[in-house]
Amino acid sequence: MTLLHPRVAGSRRLDARPLVLLHGWSCHGGFFRPQMEALGRKTRVIAPDLPGHGESAQTGDLTIGAAADALEQLLAAEDLDDVVLVGWSMGALVAWSMIERHGTSRLAHLVVEDMSPKVLNDADWAHGTRSGLDAARSRDFARAVFSQWPRLVGATARRSFAPDAPEQLVGFAEAEMRKANGPALAAMWGSLTAQDFRHLVGRIDIPVTLTPGGQSQLYAGDAAEWQLERLQQGRIVPVPRAGHAPHLEAPEAYNALLAELCKAQ
């Protein structure tokens, strides 16, 4: 069984929905510190470390599916319902996988932060990474992550933000990413790049807010537009000055958005 290490702030309130935050690849739940500090004063906030990352680095299967099942187990253990679920990058894949495997009965709202339902590009899909990453190049990258992760950290951190992001923010990300385990990251990379949730997008029966970064170096805005065209209840709230991590690059605006979603209806 895969268990997730939860990072927790705040307490349950009758006037607010609980908030669950899922981090991106090579990161951990601590990358949501601005949200936990601000919104932990308003509601229960949980930012688990996903498999292969942080304090969950060596726990259970290192796959998106195992992460999704572990997330469902965490929500059940915490007895959480009416949840606002935020999936940033890889975290969005975990959120989609949980919805596919366990439904949306515990969820009130899904936030997809700068992510495509399919990472790899091919002849039938051009809305994956901006770099045009395909299966062959992805396998090469996974091998490099396995054996040479420290050499890749700097570039990975910089691509996570807008080109003009503050050095302090990039430095924080690089220092935290450097703590990650290369083989564990490689395993999760292989799993996340194998995912394809295009078929699921139109079946999601809860409201979805898409928050693409206007200066993202990883994904173009057309990935969000593609999703919007198919969602039953969707909207785009772009963050024009942010890169791939709007919650870190524009925390006040992002916190205001999440605070509004967490208000009990």
C-alpha atoms as a PDB file:
ATOM      1  CA  MET A   1       0.000   0.000   0.000  1.00  0.00           C
ATOM      2  CA  THR A   2       1.233   3.485  -0.881  1.00  0.00           C
ATOM      3  CA  LEU A   3       0.906   6.064   1.896  1.00  0.00           C
ATOM      4  CA  LEU A   4       1.368   9.794   1.527  1.00  0.00           C
ATOM      5  CA  HIS A   5       3.096  12.062   4.009  1.00  0.00           C
ATOM      6  CA  PRO A   6       0.623  14.918   4.607  1.00  0.00           C
ATOM      7  CA  ARG A   7       1.614  18.526   5.279  1.00  0.00           C
ATOM      8  CA  VAL A   8      -1.297  20.078   7.164  1.00  0.00           C
ATOM      9  CA  ALA A   9      -2.381  23.572   8.154  1.00  0.00           C
ATOM     10  CA  GLY A  10      -5.558  24.959   9.684  1.00  0.00           C
ATOM     11  CA  SER A  11      -8.628  23.174  10.948  1.00  0.00           C
ATOM     12  CA  ARG A  12     -12.058  22.294   9.647  1.00  0.00           C
ATOM     13  CA  ARG A  13     -14.646  25.024   9.506  1.00  0.00           C
ATOM     14  CA  LEU A  14     -18.338  24.916   8.706  1.00  0.00           C
ATOM     15  CA  ASP A  15     -18.050  28.036   6.564  1.00  0.00           C
ATOM     16  CA  ALA A  16     -15.233  26.788   4.322  1.00  0.00           C
ATOM     17  CA  ARG A  17     -14.430  23.859   2.093  1.00  0.00           C
ATOM     18  CA  PRO A  18     -11.213  21.921   2.764  1.00  0.00           C
ATOM     19  CA  LEU A  19      -8.352  22.514   0.363  1.00  0.00           C
ATOM     20  CA  VAL A  20      -6.025  19.794  -0.952  1.00  0.00           C
ATOM     21  CA  LEU A  21      -2.927  20.800  -2.931  1.00  0.00           C
ATOM     22  CA  LEU A  22      -0.996  18.398  -5.191  1.00  0.00           C
ATOM     23  CA  HIS A  23       2.534  19.399  -6.184  1.00  0.00           C
ATOM     24  CA  GLY A  24       4.492  18.991  -9.391  1.00  0.00           C
ATOM     25  CA  TRP A  25       7.249  16.597 -10.416  1.00  0.00           C
ATOM     26  CA  SER A  26      10.568  16.929  -8.516  1.00  0.00           C
ATOM     27  CA  CYS A  27       8.901  19.129  -5.890  1.00  0.00           C
ATOM     28  CA  HIS A  28       7.000  18.381  -2.645  1.00  0.00           C
ATOM     29  CA  GLY A  29       4.076  19.678  -0.612  1.00  0.00           C
ATOM     30  CA  GLY A  30       6.221  22.422   0.879  1.00  0.00           C
ATOM     31  CA  PHE A  31       6.089  24.264  -2.456  1.00  0.00           C
ATOM     32  CA  PHE A  32       2.586  25.315  -1.371  1.00  0.00           C
ATOM     33  CA  ARG A  33       3.806  27.149   1.711  1.00  0.00           C
ATOM     34  CA  PRO A  34       2.228  30.498   0.639  1.00  0.00           C
ATOM     35  CA  GLN A  35      -1.163  28.809   0.334  1.00  0.00           C
ATOM     36  CA  MET A  36      -0.842  26.867   3.586  1.00  0.00           C
ATOM     37  CA  GLU A  37       0.126  29.981   5.521  1.00  0.00           C
ATOM     38  CA  ALA A  38      -2.608  32.201   4.092  1.00  0.00           C
ATOM     39  CA  LEU A  39      -5.468  29.758   3.651  1.00  0.00           C
ATOM     40  CA  GLY A  40      -4.669  27.723   6.751  1.00  0.00           C
ATOM     41  CA  ARG A  41      -6.217  30.637   8.637  1.00  0.00           C
ATOM     42  CA  LYS A  42      -9.465  30.061   6.783  1.00  0.00           C
ATOM     43  CA  THR A  43      -9.854  26.288   6.405  1.00  0.00           C
ATOM     44  CA  ARG A  44      -8.196  22.876   6.577  1.00  0.00           C
ATOM     45  CA  VAL A  45      -5.333  22.690   4.064  1.00  0.00           C
ATOM     46  CA  ILE A  46      -3.467  19.498   3.162  1.00  0.00           C
ATOM     47  CA  ALA A  47      -0.492  19.357   0.792  1.00  0.00           C
ATOM     48  CA  PRO A  48       0.733  15.740   0.690  1.00  0.00           C
ATOM     49  CA  ASP A  49       4.121  14.660  -0.597  1.00  0.00           C
ATOM     50  CA  LEU A  50       3.353  12.444  -3.586  1.00  0.00           C
ATOM     51  CA  PRO A  51       5.144   9.106  -4.174  1.00  0.00           C
ATOM     52  CA  GLY A  52       8.810   9.488  -5.058  1.00  0.00           C
ATOM     53  CA  HIS A  53       8.907  12.984  -3.564  1.00  0.00           C
ATOM     54  CA  GLY A  54       9.653  14.590  -0.212  1.00  0.00           C
ATOM     55  CA  GLU A  55       8.842  12.459   2.800  1.00  0.00           C
ATOM     56  CA  SER A  56       6.944  10.005   0.553  1.00  0.00           C
ATOM     57  CA  ALA A  57       9.998   9.352  -1.617  1.00  0.00           C
ATOM     58  CA  GLN A  58      10.351   5.668  -0.792  1.00  0.00           C
ATOM     59  CA  THR A  59       6.775   4.674  -0.068  1.00  0.00           C
ATOM     60  CA  GLY A  60       4.898   2.097  -2.164  1.00  0.00           C
ATOM     61  CA  ASP A  61       4.571   2.071  -5.942  1.00  0.00           C
ATOM     62  CA  LEU A  62       6.049   5.012  -7.790  1.00  0.00           C
ATOM     63  CA  THR A  63       3.206   5.523 -10.251  1.00  0.00           C
ATOM     64  CA  ILE A  64       0.474   8.065 -10.904  1.00  0.00           C
ATOM     65  CA  GLY A  65      -2.162   5.394 -10.287  1.00  0.00           C
ATOM     66  CA  ALA A  66      -0.711   4.501  -6.897  1.00  0.00           C
ATOM     67  CA  ALA A  67      -0.603   8.204  -6.036  1.00  0.00           C
ATOM     68  CA  ALA A  68      -4.272   8.542  -7.004  1.00  0.00           C
ATOM     69  CA  ASP A  69      -5.296   5.591  -4.838  1.00  0.00           C
ATOM     70  CA  ALA A  70      -3.234   6.917  -1.934  1.00  0.00           C
ATOM     71  CA  LEU A  71      -4.883  10.314  -2.317  1.00  0.00           C
ATOM     72  CA  GLU A  72      -8.331   8.722  -2.121  1.00  0.00           C
ATOM     73  CA  GLN A  73      -7.207   6.856   1.012  1.00  0.00           C
ATOM     74  CA  LEU A  74      -5.967  10.107   2.538  1.00  0.00           C
ATOM     75  CA  LEU A  75      -9.264  11.886   1.870  1.00  0.00           C
ATOM     76  CA  ALA A  76     -11.127   8.969   3.429  1.00  0.00           C
ATOM     77  CA  ALA A  77      -8.839   8.846   6.465  1.00  0.00           C
ATOM     78  CA  GLU A  78      -9.303  12.595   6.996  1.00  0.00           C
ATOM     79  CA  ASP A  79     -13.051  12.211   6.338  1.00  0.00           C
ATOM     80  CA  LEU A  80     -12.912  15.047   3.828  1.00  0.00           C
ATOM     81  CA  ASP A  81     -15.798  15.901   1.530  1.00  0.00           C
ATOM     82  CA  ASP A  82     -16.688  18.948  -0.584  1.00  0.00           C
ATOM     83  CA  VAL A  83     -12.970  19.338  -1.294  1.00  0.00           C
ATOM     84  CA  VAL A  84     -11.342  21.958  -3.490  1.00  0.00           C
ATOM     85  CA  LEU A  85      -8.596  19.937  -5.183  1.00  0.00           C
ATOM     86  CA  VAL A  86      -5.673  21.745  -6.824  1.00  0.00           C
ATOM     87  CA  GLY A  87      -3.401  19.848  -9.180  1.00  0.00           C
ATOM     88  CA  TRP A  88      -0.218  21.623 -10.241  1.00  0.00           C
ATOM     89  CA  SER A  89       1.633  20.014 -13.147  1.00  0.00           C
ATOM     90  CA  MET A  90       2.111  16.315 -12.212  1.00  0.00           C
ATOM     91  CA  GLY A  91      -0.404  16.915  -9.423  1.00  0.00           C
ATOM     92  CA  ALA A  92      -3.100  17.475 -12.054  1.00  0.00           C
ATOM     93  CA  LEU A  93      -2.372  14.015 -13.483  1.00  0.00           C
ATOM     94  CA  VAL A  94      -2.826  12.540 -10.002  1.00  0.00           C
ATOM     95  CA  ALA A  95      -6.104  14.436  -9.622  1.00  0.00           C
ATOM     96  CA  TRP A  96      -7.392  13.219 -12.989  1.00  0.00           C
ATOM     97  CA  SER A  97      -6.337   9.672 -12.161  1.00  0.00           C
ATOM     98  CA  MET A  98      -8.171   9.783  -8.834  1.00  0.00           C
ATOM     99  CA  ILE A  99     -11.306  11.052 -10.557  1.00  0.00           C
ATOM    100  CA  GLU A 100     -11.074   8.296 -13.161  1.00  0.00           C
ATOM    101  CA  ARG A 101     -10.513   5.574 -10.560  1.00  0.00           C
ATOM    102  CA  HIS A 102     -12.709   6.807  -7.692  1.00  0.00           C
ATOM    103  CA  GLY A 103     -15.099   9.431  -9.022  1.00  0.00           C
ATOM    104  CA  THR A 104     -15.814  12.935  -7.790  1.00  0.00           C
ATOM    105  CA  SER A 105     -18.068  12.248  -4.788  1.00  0.00           C
ATOM    106  CA  ARG A 106     -15.596  13.838  -2.354  1.00  0.00           C
ATOM    107  CA  LEU A 107     -14.848  16.843  -4.569  1.00  0.00           C
ATOM    108  CA  ALA A 108     -16.522  20.214  -5.005  1.00  0.00           C
ATOM    109  CA  HIS A 109     -14.103  21.837  -7.438  1.00  0.00           C
ATOM    110  CA  LEU A 110     -10.972  20.972  -9.420  1.00  0.00           C
ATOM    111  CA  VAL A 111      -8.228  23.490 -10.197  1.00  0.00           C
ATOM    112  CA  VAL A 112      -5.788  22.511 -12.959  1.00  0.00           C
ATOM    113  CA  GLU A 113      -2.618  24.608 -12.720  1.00  0.00           C
ATOM    114  CA  ASP A 114      -0.678  24.989 -15.988  1.00  0.00           C
ATOM    115  CA  MET A 115      -1.032  21.416 -17.183  1.00  0.00           C
ATOM    116  CA  SER A 116      -1.991  19.383 -20.231  1.00  0.00           C
ATOM    117  CA  PRO A 117      -3.943  16.099 -20.033  1.00  0.00           C
ATOM    118  CA  LYS A 118      -1.184  14.492 -22.109  1.00  0.00           C
ATOM    119  CA  VAL A 119       2.450  15.519 -21.664  1.00  0.00           C
ATOM    120  CA  LEU A 120       4.018  13.875 -24.707  1.00  0.00           C
ATOM    121  CA  ASN A 121       3.497  15.149 -28.227  1.00  0.00           C
ATOM    122  CA  ASP A 122       2.886  12.897 -31.210  1.00  0.00           C
ATOM    123  CA  ALA A 123       1.324  12.987 -34.639  1.00  0.00           C
ATOM    124  CA  ASP A 124      -2.170  13.359 -33.148  1.00  0.00           C
ATOM    125  CA  TRP A 125      -1.373  15.689 -30.244  1.00  0.00           C
ATOM    126  CA  ALA A 126       0.407  19.025 -30.314  1.00  0.00           C
ATOM    127  CA  HIS A 127      -0.733  20.387 -26.926  1.00  0.00           C
ATOM    128  CA  GLY A 128       1.863  18.660 -24.756  1.00  0.00           C
ATOM    129  CA  THR A 129       5.069  20.364 -23.686  1.00  0.00           C
ATOM    130  CA  ARG A 130       6.211  23.492 -25.529  1.00  0.00           C
ATOM    131  CA  SER A 131       9.469  21.731 -26.370  1.00  0.00           C
ATOM    132  CA  GLY A 132       7.639  19.139 -28.457  1.00  0.00           C
ATOM    133  CA  LEU A 133       8.784  16.341 -26.154  1.00  0.00           C
ATOM    134  CA  ASP A 134       8.033  12.946 -27.677  1.00  0.00           C
ATOM    135  CA  ALA A 135       8.346   9.399 -26.351  1.00  0.00           C
ATOM    136  CA  ALA A 136      11.940   8.826 -27.504  1.00  0.00           C
ATOM    137  CA  ARG A 137      13.264  12.056 -26.004  1.00  0.00           C
ATOM    138  CA  SER A 138      11.312  11.398 -22.817  1.00  0.00           C
ATOM    139  CA  ARG A 139      13.012   8.028 -22.362  1.00  0.00           C
ATOM    140  CA  ASP A 140      16.411   9.686 -22.796  1.00  0.00           C
ATOM    141  CA  PHE A 141      15.496  12.294 -20.192  1.00  0.00           C
ATOM    142  CA  ALA A 142      14.357   9.624 -17.730  1.00  0.00           C
ATOM    143  CA  ARG A 143      17.677   7.819 -18.061  1.00  0.00           C
ATOM    144  CA  ALA A 144      19.518  11.073 -17.387  1.00  0.00           C
ATOM    145  CA  VAL A 145      17.348  11.801 -14.340  1.00  0.00           C
ATOM    146  CA  PHE A 146      18.086   8.320 -12.980  1.00  0.00           C
ATOM    147  CA  SER A 147      21.857   8.705 -13.132  1.00  0.00           C
ATOM    148  CA  GLN A 148      22.585  12.437 -13.347  1.00  0.00           C
ATOM    149  CA  TRP A 149      19.784  14.270 -11.530  1.00  0.00           C
ATOM    150  CA  PRO A 150      22.083  16.819  -9.764  1.00  0.00           C
ATOM    151  CA  ARG A 151      23.269  18.056 -13.170  1.00  0.00           C
ATOM    152  CA  LEU A 152      19.684  18.653 -14.340  1.00  0.00           C
ATOM    153  CA  VAL A 153      18.328  20.462 -11.297  1.00  0.00           C
ATOM    154  CA  GLY A 154      19.334  23.996 -12.251  1.00  0.00           C
ATOM    155  CA  ALA A 155      17.693  23.942 -15.673  1.00  0.00           C
ATOM    156  CA  THR A 156      14.613  22.186 -14.324  1.00  0.00           C
ATOM    157  CA  ALA A 157      14.137  24.838 -11.650  1.00  0.00           C
ATOM    158  CA  ARG A 158      14.503  27.716 -14.112  1.00  0.00           C
ATOM    159  CA  ARG A 159      12.001  26.242 -16.554  1.00  0.00           C
ATOM    160  CA  SER A 160       9.475  26.006 -13.731  1.00  0.00           C
ATOM    161  CA  PHE A 161       9.038  29.789 -13.687  1.00  0.00           C
ATOM    162  CA  ALA A 162       8.720  32.763 -16.002  1.00  0.00           C
ATOM    163  CA  PRO A 163      12.022  33.811 -17.633  1.00  0.00           C
ATOM    164  CA  ASP A 164      12.207  36.913 -15.437  1.00  0.00           C
ATOM    165  CA  ALA A 165      11.258  35.190 -12.166  1.00  0.00           C
ATOM    166  CA  PRO A 166      13.074  36.439  -9.047  1.00  0.00           C
ATOM    167  CA  GLU A 167      16.365  34.664  -8.394  1.00  0.00           C
ATOM    168  CA  GLN A 168      15.309  34.048  -4.801  1.00  0.00           C
ATOM    169  CA  LEU A 169      12.327  32.004  -5.997  1.00  0.00           C
ATOM    170  CA  VAL A 170      14.377  30.042  -8.528  1.00  0.00           C
ATOM    171  CA  GLY A 171      17.035  29.435  -5.888  1.00  0.00           C
ATOM    172  CA  PHE A 172      14.474  28.090  -3.436  1.00  0.00           C
ATOM    173  CA  ALA A 173      13.132  25.651  -6.025  1.00  0.00           C
ATOM    174  CA  GLU A 174      16.588  24.501  -7.056  1.00  0.00           C
ATOM    175  CA  ALA A 175      17.674  23.878  -3.463  1.00  0.00           C
ATOM    176  CA  GLU A 176      14.554  21.847  -2.686  1.00  0.00           C
ATOM    177  CA  MET A 177      14.608  19.915  -5.959  1.00  0.00           C
ATOM    178  CA  ARG A 178      18.241  18.998  -5.349  1.00  0.00           C
ATOM    179  CA  LYS A 179      17.144  16.969  -2.306  1.00  0.00           C
ATOM    180  CA  ALA A 180      15.089  14.614  -4.486  1.00  0.00           C
ATOM    181  CA  ASN A 181      16.156  11.077  -5.352  1.00  0.00           C
ATOM    182  CA  GLY A 182      17.026  10.588  -9.031  1.00  0.00           C
ATOM    183  CA  PRO A 183      15.863   6.975  -9.438  1.00  0.00           C
ATOM    184  CA  ALA A 184      12.550   7.736  -7.691  1.00  0.00           C
ATOM    185  CA  LEU A 185      12.016  10.773  -9.903  1.00  0.00           C
ATOM    186  CA  ALA A 186      12.837   8.746 -12.999  1.00  0.00           C
ATOM    187  CA  ALA A 187      10.208   6.166 -12.067  1.00  0.00           C
ATOM    188  CA  MET A 188       7.550   8.834 -11.572  1.00  0.00           C
ATOM    189  CA  TRP A 189       8.603  10.549 -14.794  1.00  0.00           C
ATOM    190  CA  GLY A 190       8.060   7.331 -16.699  1.00  0.00           C
ATOM    191  CA  SER A 191       4.591   6.977 -15.187  1.00  0.00           C
ATOM    192  CA  LEU A 192       3.488  10.575 -15.661  1.00  0.00           C
ATOM    193  CA  THR A 193       4.544  10.697 -19.296  1.00  0.00           C
ATOM    194  CA  ALA A 194       2.563   7.510 -19.963  1.00  0.00           C
ATOM    195  CA  GLN A 195      -0.693   9.187 -18.875  1.00  0.00           C
ATOM    196  CA  ASP A 196      -3.358  10.353 -21.297  1.00  0.00           C
ATOM    197  CA  PHE A 197      -6.513  11.853 -19.767  1.00  0.00           C
ATOM    198  CA  ARG A 198      -7.956  13.444 -22.896  1.00  0.00           C
ATOM    199  CA  HIS A 199     -10.857  11.008 -22.771  1.00  0.00           C
ATOM    200  CA  LEU A 200     -11.651  12.045 -19.187  1.00  0.00           C
ATOM    201  CA  VAL A 201     -11.811  15.823 -19.557  1.00  0.00           C
ATOM    202  CA  GLY A 202     -15.334  15.939 -20.984  1.00  0.00           C
ATOM    203  CA  ARG A 203     -16.654  13.466 -18.389  1.00  0.00           C
ATOM    204  CA  ILE A 204     -15.678  15.477 -15.289  1.00  0.00           C
ATOM    205  CA  ASP A 205     -18.963  16.382 -13.597  1.00  0.00           C
ATOM    206  CA  ILE A 206     -17.729  19.082 -11.199  1.00  0.00           C
ATOM    207  CA  PRO A 207     -16.635  22.659 -11.962  1.00  0.00           C
ATOM    208  CA  VAL A 208     -13.059  23.016 -13.192  1.00  0.00           C
ATOM    209  CA  THR A 209     -10.915  26.144 -13.122  1.00  0.00           C
ATOM    210  CA  LEU A 210      -7.869  26.194 -15.416  1.00  0.00           C
ATOM    211  CA  THR A 211      -5.015  28.493 -14.360  1.00  0.00           C
ATOM    212  CA  PRO A 212      -2.359  28.586 -17.099  1.00  0.00           C
ATOM    213  CA  GLY A 213       0.735  30.717 -16.636  1.00  0.00           C
ATOM    214  CA  GLY A 214       0.957  33.339 -19.367  1.00  0.00           C
ATOM    215  CA  GLN A 215       4.755  33.008 -19.457  1.00  0.00           C
ATOM    216  CA  SER A 216       4.988  29.278 -18.861  1.00  0.00           C
ATOM    217  CA  GLN A 217       8.080  27.744 -20.392  1.00  0.00           C
ATOM    218  CA  LEU A 218       6.545  24.260 -20.248  1.00  0.00           C
ATOM    219  CA  TYR A 219       2.978  24.492 -21.577  1.00  0.00           C
ATOM    220  CA  ALA A 220       1.220  26.831 -23.987  1.00  0.00           C
ATOM    221  CA  GLY A 221      -2.193  28.319 -23.332  1.00  0.00           C
ATOM    222  CA  ASP A 222      -3.760  26.213 -26.063  1.00  0.00           C
ATOM    223  CA  ALA A 223      -3.681  23.201 -23.711  1.00  0.00           C
ATOM    224  CA  ALA A 224      -6.101  25.056 -21.432  1.00  0.00           C
ATOM    225  CA  GLU A 225      -8.217  26.189 -24.385  1.00  0.00           C
ATOM    226  CA  TRP A 226      -8.480  22.576 -25.579  1.00  0.00           C
ATOM    227  CA  GLN A 227      -9.733  21.518 -22.164  1.00  0.00           C
ATOM    228  CA  LEU A 228     -12.180  24.404 -21.884  1.00  0.00           C
ATOM    229  CA  GLU A 229     -13.860  23.424 -25.141  1.00  0.00           C
ATOM    230  CA  ARG A 230     -14.646  19.977 -23.702  1.00  0.00           C
ATOM    231  CA  LEU A 231     -15.348  20.586 -20.019  1.00  0.00           C
ATOM    232  CA  GLN A 232     -18.941  20.402 -18.788  1.00  0.00           C
ATOM    233  CA  GLN A 233     -18.348  23.256 -16.332  1.00  0.00           C
ATOM    234  CA  GLY A 234     -15.092  25.020 -17.005  1.00  0.00           C
ATOM    235  CA  ARG A 235     -13.434  28.408 -17.017  1.00  0.00           C
ATOM    236  CA  ILE A 236      -9.950  29.791 -17.564  1.00  0.00           C
ATOM    237  CA  VAL A 237      -8.402  32.195 -15.065  1.00  0.00           C
ATOM    238  CA  PRO A 238      -5.035  33.016 -16.647  1.00  0.00           C
ATOM    239  CA  VAL A 239      -2.109  34.348 -14.636  1.00  0.00           C
ATOM    240  CA  PRO A 240      -0.403  36.503 -17.287  1.00  0.00           C
ATOM    241  CA  ARG A 241       2.885  37.291 -15.522  1.00  0.00           C
ATOM    242  CA  ALA A 242       3.496  33.795 -14.168  1.00  0.00           C
ATOM    243  CA  GLY A 243       5.314  30.822 -15.614  1.00  0.00           C
ATOM    244  CA  HIS A 244       4.612  27.191 -14.765  1.00  0.00           C
ATOM    245  CA  ALA A 245       4.028  27.893 -11.049  1.00  0.00           C
ATOM    246  CA  PRO A 246       1.373  30.636 -10.723  1.00  0.00           C
ATOM    247  CA  HIS A 247       0.729  29.786  -7.064  1.00  0.00           C
ATOM    248  CA  LEU A 248       4.347  30.731  -6.275  1.00  0.00           C
ATOM    249  CA  GLU A 249       4.830  33.536  -8.777  1.00  0.00           C
ATOM    250  CA  ALA A 250       1.550  35.355  -8.063  1.00  0.00           C
ATOM    251  CA  PRO A 251       0.637  34.041  -4.590  1.00  0.00           C
ATOM    252  CA  GLU A 252      -1.709  36.858  -3.551  1.00  0.00           C
ATOM    253  CA  ALA A 253      -3.881  36.528  -6.639  1.00  0.00           C
ATOM    254  CA  TYR A 254      -3.786  32.741  -6.488  1.00  0.00           C
ATOM    255  CA  ASN A 255      -4.689  32.706  -2.800  1.00  0.00           C
ATOM    256  CA  ALA A 256      -7.618  35.041  -3.475  1.00  0.00           C
ATOM    257  CA  LEU A 257      -8.899  32.656  -6.157  1.00  0.00           C
ATOM    258  CA  LEU A 258      -8.612  29.636  -3.858  1.00  0.00           C
ATOM    259  CA  ALA A 259     -10.182  31.489  -0.922  1.00  0.00           C
ATOM    260  CA  GLU A 260     -13.219  32.257  -3.070  1.00  0.00           C
ATOM    261  CA  LEU A 261     -13.517  28.613  -4.164  1.00  0.00           C
ATOM    262  CA  CYS A 262     -13.253  27.442  -0.556  1.00  0.00           C
ATOM    263  CA  LYS A 263     -16.241  29.457   0.600  1.00  0.00           C
ATOM    264  CA  ALA A 264     -19.012  27.082   1.628  1.00  0.00           C
ATOM    265  CA  GLN A 265     -21.927  27.245  -0.797  1.00  0.00           C
END
